[in-house]
């Protein structure tokens, strides 16, 4: 993805925080603190890091473990109220052995049983 100079940058806000689930993979948790947004793949403890705003509703997921070569673009879909409802990932590094193809994470509502 080549950032466009005129493209709006997504704001770091609580609209993205919460637990998301993919039917095949499982859960990813997105949280926010004073340093920004962070993610954690529940079933894979090595898969955690920061979400950096890129453009529109796309962030760059920067993994703490650089050896994974798993940094990815994270594209959110918003609902009619502007809140994140789902996201997909695409690995940035072409030589990475990691693939997120086919995974689609849907936000779990607070009242939904896990």
Protein backbone atom coordinates (compact mmCIF):
# COMPACT_ATOMS: atom_id res chain seq x y z
CA UNK A 1 0.00 0.00 0.00
CA UNK A 2 1.39 3.36 -0.98
CA UNK A 3 0.10 6.08 1.35
CA UNK A 4 -1.55 8.96 -0.46
CA UNK A 5 -0.52 12.41 0.70
CA UNK A 6 -4.14 13.57 0.56
CA UNK A 7 -5.59 10.52 2.35
CA UNK A 8 -6.97 11.07 5.83
CA UNK A 9 -5.12 9.30 8.65
CA UNK A 10 -7.30 7.23 11.00
CA UNK A 11 -7.59 8.58 14.52
CA UNK A 12 -6.44 6.44 17.43
CA UNK A 13 -9.64 5.96 19.38
CA UNK A 14 -11.67 3.45 21.37
CA UNK A 15 -13.83 2.74 18.30
CA UNK A 16 -11.25 0.09 17.36
CA UNK A 17 -10.77 -1.51 20.79
CA UNK A 18 -12.34 -4.81 21.81
CA UNK A 19 -12.21 -8.49 21.01
CA UNK A 20 -12.46 -9.74 17.43
CA UNK A 21 -12.99 -13.32 16.28
CA UNK A 22 -12.23 -15.28 13.14
CA UNK A 23 -14.12 -18.60 12.85
CA UNK A 24 -10.95 -20.50 11.87
CA UNK A 25 -8.21 -18.73 13.83
CA UNK A 26 -9.87 -17.52 17.03
CA UNK A 27 -9.58 -14.23 18.90
CA UNK A 28 -7.54 -11.04 18.65
CA UNK A 29 -7.77 -8.36 21.32
CA UNK A 30 -7.19 -4.69 20.52
CA UNK A 31 -6.57 -2.32 23.42
CA UNK A 32 -5.58 1.31 23.87
CA UNK A 33 -3.24 3.01 26.31
CA UNK A 34 -1.34 6.31 26.43
CA UNK A 35 1.04 5.04 23.74
CA UNK A 36 -1.69 4.11 21.25
CA UNK A 37 -3.43 0.97 20.00
CA UNK A 38 -2.06 -2.51 20.64
CA UNK A 39 -3.06 -5.99 19.46
CA UNK A 40 -2.65 -9.49 20.83
CA UNK A 41 -3.52 -12.78 19.12
CA UNK A 42 -4.98 -14.86 21.98
CA UNK A 43 -3.97 -18.30 20.61
CA UNK A 44 -0.47 -17.18 19.55
CA UNK A 45 1.25 -15.24 22.36
CA UNK A 46 4.17 -14.22 20.08
CA UNK A 47 1.71 -12.34 17.85
CA UNK A 48 1.42 -9.00 19.63
CA UNK A 49 2.43 -5.45 18.90
CA UNK A 50 1.24 -1.96 18.01
CA UNK A 51 -1.19 -0.56 15.45
CA UNK A 52 0.12 2.57 13.70
CA UNK A 53 -2.27 4.76 11.67
CA UNK A 54 -1.61 4.65 7.92
CA UNK A 55 -4.52 5.99 5.87
CA UNK A 56 -8.32 5.85 5.70
CA UNK A 57 -9.28 2.90 7.97
CA UNK A 58 -5.96 1.12 7.51
CA UNK A 59 -3.27 0.70 10.15
CA UNK A 60 0.13 -0.96 10.10
CA UNK A 61 0.45 -3.82 12.59
CA UNK A 62 4.04 -3.77 13.88
CA UNK A 63 4.83 -7.02 15.67
CA UNK A 64 7.07 -6.94 18.74
CA UNK A 65 8.97 -10.00 17.48
CA UNK A 66 10.71 -8.73 14.32
CA UNK A 67 12.04 -12.22 13.48
CA UNK A 68 8.49 -13.24 12.50
CA UNK A 69 8.48 -10.86 9.51
CA UNK A 70 4.74 -10.64 10.15
CA UNK A 71 4.14 -6.86 10.04
CA UNK A 72 0.88 -6.37 8.20
CA UNK A 73 -1.66 -3.89 6.92
CA UNK A 74 -4.84 -4.03 9.01
CA UNK A 75 -7.94 -2.75 7.25
CA UNK A 76 -11.03 -2.05 9.37
CA UNK A 77 -14.62 -1.99 8.18
CA UNK A 78 -16.86 0.46 10.05
CA UNK A 79 -20.56 0.26 10.86
CA UNK A 80 -23.09 3.03 10.20
CA UNK A 81 -22.05 4.78 13.44
CA UNK A 82 -18.36 4.86 12.54
CA UNK A 83 -17.36 2.05 14.91
CA UNK A 84 -15.08 -0.77 13.83
CA UNK A 85 -17.00 -3.98 13.12
CA UNK A 86 -14.34 -6.15 11.46
CA UNK A 87 -10.82 -6.24 10.04
CA UNK A 88 -8.58 -8.16 7.67
CA UNK A 89 -4.78 -8.38 7.52
CA UNK A 90 -2.25 -8.50 4.70
CA UNK A 91 1.42 -9.24 5.42
CA UNK A 92 3.78 -6.52 4.15
CA UNK A 93 6.98 -8.59 3.73
CA UNK A 94 6.76 -10.69 0.51
CA UNK A 95 9.30 -13.23 1.81
CA UNK A 96 7.40 -13.86 5.06
CA UNK A 97 6.28 -17.39 5.88
CA UNK A 98 3.28 -15.89 7.71
CA UNK A 99 -0.04 -15.56 5.90
CA UNK A 100 -3.27 -14.02 7.12
CA UNK A 101 -5.09 -14.70 3.84
CA UNK A 102 -8.69 -15.80 4.28
CA UNK A 103 -8.94 -14.58 7.89
CA UNK A 104 -11.74 -12.14 8.65
CA UNK A 105 -12.06 -10.94 12.24
CA UNK A 106 -15.53 -9.80 13.38
CA UNK A 107 -15.94 -7.66 16.51
CA UNK A 108 -17.57 -9.52 19.37
CA UNK A 109 -20.33 -7.56 21.03
CA UNK A 110 -20.03 -7.15 24.80
CA UNK A 111 -23.19 -9.17 25.43
CA UNK A 112 -22.23 -12.05 23.12
CA UNK A 113 -21.30 -15.30 24.87
CA UNK A 114 -17.81 -16.56 24.13
